[in-house]
Amino acid sequence: IAKLYVAVLPKEHLDNFDDLRSHLGLPLLLFVGALCPAICEEIAFRGLVHLRLSALFGRNQGLLIAAAAFALAHGPTLGLPFHFGLGVALGVLRNRSGSLYPGMVLHCAYNALVIAWP
């Protein structure tokens, strides 16, 4: 996320969350880096992709394929297995609750933890 902000912000040398936090302030950084992505990604991956793939391939297969898409959307990095696991957990939460809201809350909390952790 930090690299994306660096690309759009005019200030130079913003290459990590500490620099972004000092430039934007923690509340704005949490809004654009935790809340907005959580809402948009949950609507996209669990609201659209997951449900459509589950209709096409079945509940479990749809969940796994959507989790893989979620992980790949976050980039082929060392975090790929973790993002796949997070995608599975968010998909299970979606299936059990029947709602996107619990996943949005969990996703936002995870993003906020990544941003705010020193």
Protein backbone atom coordinates (compact mmCIF):
# COMPACT_ATOMS: atom_id res chain seq x y z
CA ILE A 1 0.00 0.00 0.00
CA ALA A 2 2.83 2.36 0.87
CA LYS A 3 4.27 2.12 -2.65
CA LEU A 4 0.90 3.11 -4.13
CA TYR A 5 0.69 6.18 -1.91
CA VAL A 6 4.23 7.12 -2.87
CA ALA A 7 3.20 7.06 -6.53
CA VAL A 8 0.36 9.53 -6.01
CA LEU A 9 1.71 11.82 -3.31
CA PRO A 10 3.85 14.77 -4.40
CA LYS A 11 6.28 14.56 -1.47
CA GLU A 12 9.42 12.55 -2.08
CA HIS A 13 10.92 9.89 0.19
CA LEU A 14 7.59 8.47 1.32
CA ASP A 15 8.57 4.83 1.15
CA ASN A 16 7.08 3.36 4.33
CA PHE A 17 4.12 3.70 6.68
CA ASP A 18 6.06 5.86 9.16
CA ASP A 19 6.67 8.51 6.50
CA LEU A 20 3.08 8.25 5.31
CA ARG A 21 1.79 8.52 8.87
CA SER A 22 3.78 11.68 9.46
CA HIS A 23 2.69 13.17 6.12
CA LEU A 24 -1.01 12.24 6.13
CA GLY A 25 -1.67 11.77 9.82
CA LEU A 26 -2.81 8.49 11.31
CA PRO A 27 -6.60 9.09 10.96
CA LEU A 28 -6.38 9.82 7.22
CA LEU A 29 -3.93 6.98 6.66
CA LEU A 30 -6.27 4.56 8.45
CA PHE A 31 -9.17 5.80 6.35
CA VAL A 32 -7.42 5.42 2.98
CA GLY A 33 -5.27 2.42 3.93
CA ALA A 34 -7.52 0.37 6.18
CA LEU A 35 -11.20 1.29 5.87
CA CYS A 36 -11.57 2.02 2.14
CA PRO A 37 -9.62 -1.05 0.93
CA ALA A 38 -11.47 -3.31 3.37
CA ILE A 39 -14.88 -2.17 2.15
CA CYS A 40 -13.98 -2.24 -1.55
CA GLU A 41 -12.12 -5.55 -1.44
CA GLU A 42 -14.86 -7.29 0.53
CA ILE A 43 -17.51 -6.09 -1.92
CA ALA A 44 -15.35 -7.21 -4.85
CA PHE A 45 -13.96 -10.51 -3.59
CA ARG A 46 -16.62 -11.81 -1.18
CA GLY A 47 -19.61 -9.94 -2.60
CA LEU A 48 -19.01 -10.57 -6.29
CA VAL A 49 -16.23 -13.06 -7.03
CA HIS A 50 -16.88 -15.45 -4.15
CA LEU A 51 -20.62 -15.62 -4.67
CA ARG A 52 -20.36 -16.05 -8.44
CA LEU A 53 -17.67 -18.73 -8.20
CA SER A 54 -19.65 -20.53 -5.50
CA ALA A 55 -22.66 -20.59 -7.81
CA LEU A 56 -20.53 -21.97 -10.64
CA PHE A 57 -18.28 -24.44 -8.79
CA GLY A 58 -19.94 -25.09 -5.46
CA ARG A 59 -19.56 -23.49 -2.07
CA ASN A 60 -16.13 -24.82 -1.05
CA GLN A 61 -14.48 -24.67 -4.47
CA GLY A 62 -15.79 -21.15 -5.03
CA LEU A 63 -14.42 -20.08 -1.68
CA LEU A 64 -10.95 -21.51 -2.44
CA ILE A 65 -10.76 -20.00 -5.93
CA ALA A 66 -11.89 -16.60 -4.62
CA ALA A 67 -9.28 -16.83 -1.82
CA ALA A 68 -6.61 -17.57 -4.43
CA ALA A 69 -7.73 -14.58 -6.49
CA PHE A 70 -7.63 -12.41 -3.36
CA ALA A 71 -4.09 -13.57 -2.58
CA LEU A 72 -2.87 -13.02 -6.13
CA ALA A 73 -4.43 -9.55 -6.19
CA HIS A 74 -2.14 -8.66 -3.29
CA GLY A 75 0.89 -9.60 -5.36
CA PRO A 76 3.05 -12.68 -5.71
CA THR A 77 5.14 -11.96 -2.62
CA LEU A 78 6.20 -13.97 0.41
CA GLY A 79 2.85 -12.97 1.91
CA LEU A 80 0.95 -15.00 -0.70
CA PRO A 81 0.22 -17.98 1.62
CA PHE A 82 -0.88 -15.64 4.40
CA HIS A 83 -3.16 -13.69 2.07
CA PHE A 84 -4.61 -16.97 0.80
CA GLY A 85 -5.34 -18.01 4.39
CA LEU A 86 -6.86 -14.62 5.12
CA GLY A 87 -9.00 -14.97 2.00
CA VAL A 88 -10.20 -18.39 3.16
CA ALA A 89 -11.00 -17.03 6.65
CA LEU A 90 -12.90 -14.07 5.22
CA GLY A 91 -14.77 -16.40 2.85
CA VAL A 92 -15.75 -18.73 5.67
CA LEU A 93 -16.90 -15.73 7.67
CA ARG A 94 -18.97 -14.63 4.67
CA ASN A 95 -20.53 -18.08 4.30
CA ARG A 96 -21.33 -18.44 7.99
CA SER A 97 -22.67 -14.95 8.59
CA GLY A 98 -24.42 -14.47 5.25
CA SER A 99 -23.17 -10.88 5.31
CA LEU A 100 -20.19 -8.86 4.10
CA TYR A 101 -20.06 -6.71 7.24
CA PRO A 102 -18.17 -9.07 9.58
CA GLY A 103 -15.50 -9.57 6.90
CA MET A 104 -15.24 -5.83 6.37
CA VAL A 105 -14.66 -5.33 10.09
CA LEU A 106 -12.03 -8.08 10.29
CA HIS A 107 -10.32 -6.92 7.08
CA CYS A 108 -10.26 -3.31 8.30
CA ALA A 109 -8.86 -4.37 11.68
CA TYR A 110 -6.09 -6.35 9.96
CA ASN A 111 -5.22 -3.44 7.65
CA ALA A 112 -5.24 -1.00 10.57
CA LEU A 113 -2.94 -3.27 12.57
CA VAL A 114 -0.48 -3.44 9.68
CA ILE A 115 -0.52 0.34 9.33
CA ALA A 116 -0.42 1.29 13.00
CA TRP A 117 2.05 -1.33 14.23
CA PRO A 118 5.37 0.40 14.95
